[in-house]
């Protein structure tokens, strides 16, 4: 199931000034805006912590 409306995430981005947010689920890579990017669950293995 795809979710294009992320009201709580949108509020957090505005409140805390995040540059980018990722949503993981059963989907392909979808970039609806420069801020929220949807990615498949298997890509969690490729996350690296920031320095």
PDB file of N, CA and C in Angstrom:
ATOM      1  N   UNK A   1       0.849  -1.179   0.000  1.00  0.00           N
ATOM      2  CA  UNK A   1       0.000   0.000   0.000  1.00  0.00           C
ATOM      3  C   UNK A   1       0.890   1.236   0.000  1.00  0.00           C
ATOM      4  N   UNK A   2       0.579   2.180  -0.827  1.00  0.00           N
ATOM      5  CA  UNK A   2       1.341   3.415  -0.916  1.00  0.00           C
ATOM      6  C   UNK A   2       0.645   4.522  -0.142  1.00  0.00           C
ATOM      7  N   UNK A   3       1.425   5.312   0.548  1.00  0.00           N
ATOM      8  CA  UNK A   3       0.901   6.440   1.285  1.00  0.00           C
ATOM      9  C   UNK A   3       1.554   7.703   0.763  1.00  0.00           C
ATOM     10  N   UNK A   4       0.765   8.602   0.239  1.00  0.00           N
ATOM     11  CA  UNK A   4       1.305   9.844  -0.289  1.00  0.00           C
ATOM     12  C   UNK A   4       1.095  11.007   0.660  1.00  0.00           C
ATOM     13  N   UNK A   5       0.208  10.852   1.629  1.00  0.00           N
ATOM     14  CA  UNK A   5      -0.074  11.915   2.577  1.00  0.00           C
ATOM     15  C   UNK A   5       0.527  11.525   3.923  1.00  0.00           C
ATOM     16  N   UNK A   6       1.480  12.292   4.376  1.00  0.00           N
ATOM     17  CA  UNK A   6       2.158  12.024   5.645  1.00  0.00           C
ATOM     18  C   UNK A   6       2.015  13.247   6.534  1.00  0.00           C
ATOM     19  N   UNK A   7       0.839  13.460   7.073  1.00  0.00           N
ATOM     20  CA  UNK A   7       0.589  14.705   7.810  1.00  0.00           C
ATOM     21  C   UNK A   7       1.478  14.829   9.046  1.00  0.00           C
ATOM     22  N   UNK A   8       1.659  13.761   9.817  1.00  0.00           N
ATOM     23  CA  UNK A   8       2.513  13.846  11.004  1.00  0.00           C
ATOM     24  C   UNK A   8       3.966  14.067  10.609  1.00  0.00           C
ATOM     25  N   UNK A   9       4.418  13.397   9.555  1.00  0.00           N
ATOM     26  CA  UNK A   9       5.791  13.576   9.083  1.00  0.00           C
ATOM     27  C   UNK A   9       5.989  14.985   8.529  1.00  0.00           C
ATOM     28  N   UNK A  10       5.009  15.493   7.791  1.00  0.00           N
ATOM     29  CA  UNK A  10       5.090  16.866   7.286  1.00  0.00           C
ATOM     30  C   UNK A  10       5.192  17.873   8.433  1.00  0.00           C
ATOM     31  N   UNK A  11       4.426  17.646   9.498  1.00  0.00           N
ATOM     32  CA  UNK A  11       4.487  18.536  10.662  1.00  0.00           C
ATOM     33  C   UNK A  11       5.853  18.481  11.334  1.00  0.00           C
ATOM     34  N   UNK A  12       6.430  17.278  11.460  1.00  0.00           N
ATOM     35  CA  UNK A  12       7.755  17.139  12.077  1.00  0.00           C
ATOM     36  C   UNK A  12       8.822  17.829  11.234  1.00  0.00           C
ATOM     37  N   UNK A  13       8.716  17.713   9.911  1.00  0.00           N
ATOM     38  CA  UNK A  13       9.682  18.356   9.023  1.00  0.00           C
ATOM     39  C   UNK A  13       9.636  19.871   9.206  1.00  0.00           C
ATOM     40  N   UNK A  14       8.423  20.427   9.273  1.00  0.00           N
ATOM     41  CA  UNK A  14       8.285  21.871   9.452  1.00  0.00           C
ATOM     42  C   UNK A  14       8.740  22.314  10.840  1.00  0.00           C
ATOM     43  N   UNK A  15       8.361  21.552  11.862  1.00  0.00           N
ATOM     44  CA  UNK A  15       8.663  21.925  13.239  1.00  0.00           C
ATOM     45  C   UNK A  15      10.156  21.857  13.544  1.00  0.00           C
ATOM     46  N   UNK A  16      10.808  20.774  13.113  1.00  0.00           N
ATOM     47  CA  UNK A  16      12.204  20.551  13.479  1.00  0.00           C
ATOM     48  C   UNK A  16      13.196  20.885  12.365  1.00  0.00           C
ATOM     49  N   UNK A  17      12.701  21.292  11.209  1.00  0.00           N
ATOM     50  CA  UNK A  17      13.575  21.729  10.133  1.00  0.00           C
ATOM     51  C   UNK A  17      14.382  20.637   9.456  1.00  0.00           C
ATOM     52  N   UNK A  18      13.836  19.435   9.388  1.00  0.00           N
ATOM     53  CA  UNK A  18      14.537  18.345   8.697  1.00  0.00           C
ATOM     54  C   UNK A  18      14.664  18.666   7.213  1.00  0.00           C
ATOM     55  N   UNK A  19      15.802  18.309   6.630  1.00  0.00           N
ATOM     56  CA  UNK A  19      15.995  18.520   5.195  1.00  0.00           C
ATOM     57  C   UNK A  19      15.360  17.410   4.369  1.00  0.00           C
ATOM     58  N   UNK A  20      15.370  16.195   4.920  1.00  0.00           N
ATOM     59  CA  UNK A  20      14.889  15.046   4.160  1.00  0.00           C
ATOM     60  C   UNK A  20      14.341  13.994   5.117  1.00  0.00           C
ATOM     61  N   UNK A  21      13.306  13.282   4.660  1.00  0.00           N
ATOM     62  CA  UNK A  21      12.720  12.192   5.439  1.00  0.00           C
ATOM     63  C   UNK A  21      12.504  10.997   4.518  1.00  0.00           C
ATOM     64  N   UNK A  22      12.670   9.816   5.072  1.00  0.00           N
ATOM     65  CA  UNK A  22      12.498   8.589   4.302  1.00  0.00           C
ATOM     66  C   UNK A  22      11.361   7.774   4.900  1.00  0.00           C
ATOM     67  N   UNK A  23      10.539   7.213   4.028  1.00  0.00           N
ATOM     68  CA  UNK A  23       9.448   6.336   4.433  1.00  0.00           C
ATOM     69  C   UNK A  23       9.738   4.971   3.812  1.00  0.00           C
ATOM     70  N   UNK A  24       9.819   3.947   4.644  1.00  0.00           N
ATOM     71  CA  UNK A  24      10.120   2.604   4.160  1.00  0.00           C
ATOM     72  C   UNK A  24       8.867   1.752   4.192  1.00  0.00           C
ATOM     73  N   UNK A  25       8.668   0.962   3.138  1.00  0.00           N
ATOM     74  CA  UNK A  25       7.494   0.106   3.060  1.00  0.00           C
ATOM     75  C   UNK A  25       7.579  -0.813   1.862  1.00  0.00           C
ATOM     76  N   UNK A  26       6.477  -1.415   1.529  1.00  0.00           N
ATOM     77  CA  UNK A  26       6.401  -2.332   0.389  1.00  0.00           C
ATOM     78  C   UNK A  26       6.137  -1.519  -0.874  1.00  0.00           C
ATOM     79  N   UNK A  27       7.160  -0.853  -1.361  1.00  0.00           N
ATOM     80  CA  UNK A  27       7.034   0.058  -2.486  1.00  0.00           C
ATOM     81  C   UNK A  27       8.350   0.117  -3.248  1.00  0.00           C
ATOM     82  N   UNK A  28       8.343   0.728  -4.392  1.00  0.00           N
ATOM     83  CA  UNK A  28       9.562   1.044  -5.109  1.00  0.00           C
ATOM     84  C   UNK A  28      10.042   2.405  -4.634  1.00  0.00           C
ATOM     85  N   UNK A  29      11.178   2.845  -5.131  1.00  0.00           N
ATOM     86  CA  UNK A  29      11.664   4.173  -4.771  1.00  0.00           C
ATOM     87  C   UNK A  29      10.765   5.205  -5.434  1.00  0.00           C
ATOM     88  N   UNK A  30      10.211   6.090  -4.616  1.00  0.00           N
ATOM     89  CA  UNK A  30       9.320   7.135  -5.102  1.00  0.00           C
ATOM     90  C   UNK A  30       9.769   8.454  -4.489  1.00  0.00           C
ATOM     91  N   UNK A  31      10.057   9.418  -5.323  1.00  0.00           N
ATOM     92  CA  UNK A  31      10.443  10.740  -4.851  1.00  0.00           C
ATOM     93  C   UNK A  31       9.371  11.728  -5.282  1.00  0.00           C
ATOM     94  N   UNK A  32       8.417  11.979  -4.388  1.00  0.00           N
ATOM     95  CA  UNK A  32       7.318  12.892  -4.687  1.00  0.00           C
ATOM     96  C   UNK A  32       7.732  14.342  -4.496  1.00  0.00           C
ATOM     97  N   UNK A  33       8.748  14.568  -3.667  1.00  0.00           N
ATOM     98  CA  UNK A  33       9.254  15.916  -3.438  1.00  0.00           C
ATOM     99  C   UNK A  33      10.720  15.786  -3.042  1.00  0.00           C
ATOM    100  N   UNK A  34      11.379  16.910  -2.814  1.00  0.00           N
ATOM    101  CA  UNK A  34      12.768  16.867  -2.367  1.00  0.00           C
ATOM    102  C   UNK A  34      12.884  16.503  -0.893  1.00  0.00           C
ATOM    103  N   UNK A  35      11.775  16.506  -0.185  1.00  0.00           N
ATOM    104  CA  UNK A  35      11.799  16.280   1.251  1.00  0.00           C
ATOM    105  C   UNK A  35      11.474  14.843   1.643  1.00  0.00           C
ATOM    106  N   UNK A  36      10.421  14.263   1.097  1.00  0.00           N
ATOM    107  CA  UNK A  36       9.987  12.916   1.476  1.00  0.00           C
ATOM    108  C   UNK A  36      10.272  11.947   0.343  1.00  0.00           C
ATOM    109  N   UNK A  37      11.003  10.877   0.680  1.00  0.00           N
ATOM    110  CA  UNK A  37      11.349   9.854  -0.293  1.00  0.00           C
ATOM    111  C   UNK A  37      10.884   8.509   0.252  1.00  0.00           C
ATOM    112  N   UNK A  38      10.114   7.772  -0.549  1.00  0.00           N
ATOM    113  CA  UNK A  38       9.661   6.442  -0.162  1.00  0.00           C
ATOM    114  C   UNK A  38      10.604   5.406  -0.746  1.00  0.00           C
ATOM    115  N   UNK A  39      10.955   4.394   0.063  1.00  0.00           N
ATOM    116  CA  UNK A  39      11.905   3.374  -0.366  1.00  0.00           C
ATOM    117  C   UNK A  39      11.434   1.999   0.081  1.00  0.00           C
ATOM    118  N   UNK A  40      11.857   0.948  -0.628  1.00  0.00           N
ATOM    119  CA  UNK A  40      11.493  -0.407  -0.220  1.00  0.00           C
ATOM    120  C   UNK A  40      12.213  -0.804   1.071  1.00  0.00           C
ATOM    121  N   UNK A  41      11.604  -1.735   1.812  1.00  0.00           N
ATOM    122  CA  UNK A  41      12.151  -2.155   3.100  1.00  0.00           C
ATOM    123  C   UNK A  41      13.567  -2.705   3.004  1.00  0.00           C
ATOM    124  N   UNK A  42      13.882  -3.425   1.935  1.00  0.00           N
ATOM    125  CA  UNK A  42      15.208  -4.043   1.853  1.00  0.00           C
ATOM    126  C   UNK A  42      16.329  -3.010   1.817  1.00  0.00           C
ATOM    127  N   UNK A  43      16.032  -1.773   1.507  1.00  0.00           N
ATOM    128  CA  UNK A  43      17.066  -0.739   1.453  1.00  0.00           C
ATOM    129  C   UNK A  43      17.503  -0.278   2.839  1.00  0.00           C
ATOM    130  N   UNK A  44      16.812  -0.721   3.896  1.00  0.00           N
ATOM    131  CA  UNK A  44      17.253  -0.404   5.252  1.00  0.00           C
ATOM    132  C   UNK A  44      18.649  -0.957   5.518  1.00  0.00           C
ATOM    133  N   UNK A  45      19.014  -2.059   4.873  1.00  0.00           N
ATOM    134  CA  UNK A  45      20.346  -2.641   5.046  1.00  0.00           C
ATOM    135  C   UNK A  45      21.444  -1.716   4.546  1.00  0.00           C
ATOM    136  N   UNK A  46      21.127  -0.777   3.686  1.00  0.00           N
ATOM    137  CA  UNK A  46      22.125   0.087   3.091  1.00  0.00           C
ATOM    138  C   UNK A  46      22.305   1.418   3.822  1.00  0.00           C
ATOM    139  N   UNK A  47      21.560   1.637   4.888  1.00  0.00           N
ATOM    140  CA  UNK A  47      21.693   2.879   5.658  1.00  0.00           C
ATOM    141  C   UNK A  47      23.027   2.923   6.383  1.00  0.00           C
ATOM    142  N   UNK A  48      23.620   4.072   6.386  1.00  0.00           N
ATOM    143  CA  UNK A  48      24.872   4.308   7.088  1.00  0.00           C
ATOM    144  C   UNK A  48      24.671   5.473   8.044  1.00  0.00           C
ATOM    145  N   UNK A  49      25.208   5.371   9.258  1.00  0.00           N
ATOM    146  CA  UNK A  49      25.089   6.502  10.190  1.00  0.00           C
ATOM    147  C   UNK A  49      25.938   7.680   9.721  1.00  0.00           C
ATOM    148  N   UNK A  50      25.479   8.876  10.044  1.00  0.00           N
ATOM    149  CA  UNK A  50      26.233  10.090   9.714  1.00  0.00           C
ATOM    150  C   UNK A  50      27.364  10.276  10.699  1.00  0.00           C
ATOM    151  N   UNK A  51      28.416  10.924  10.268  1.00  0.00           N
ATOM    152  CA  UNK A  51      29.547  11.221  11.170  1.00  0.00           C
ATOM    153  C   UNK A  51      29.234  12.381  12.067  1.00  0.00           C
TER     154      UNK A  51
END
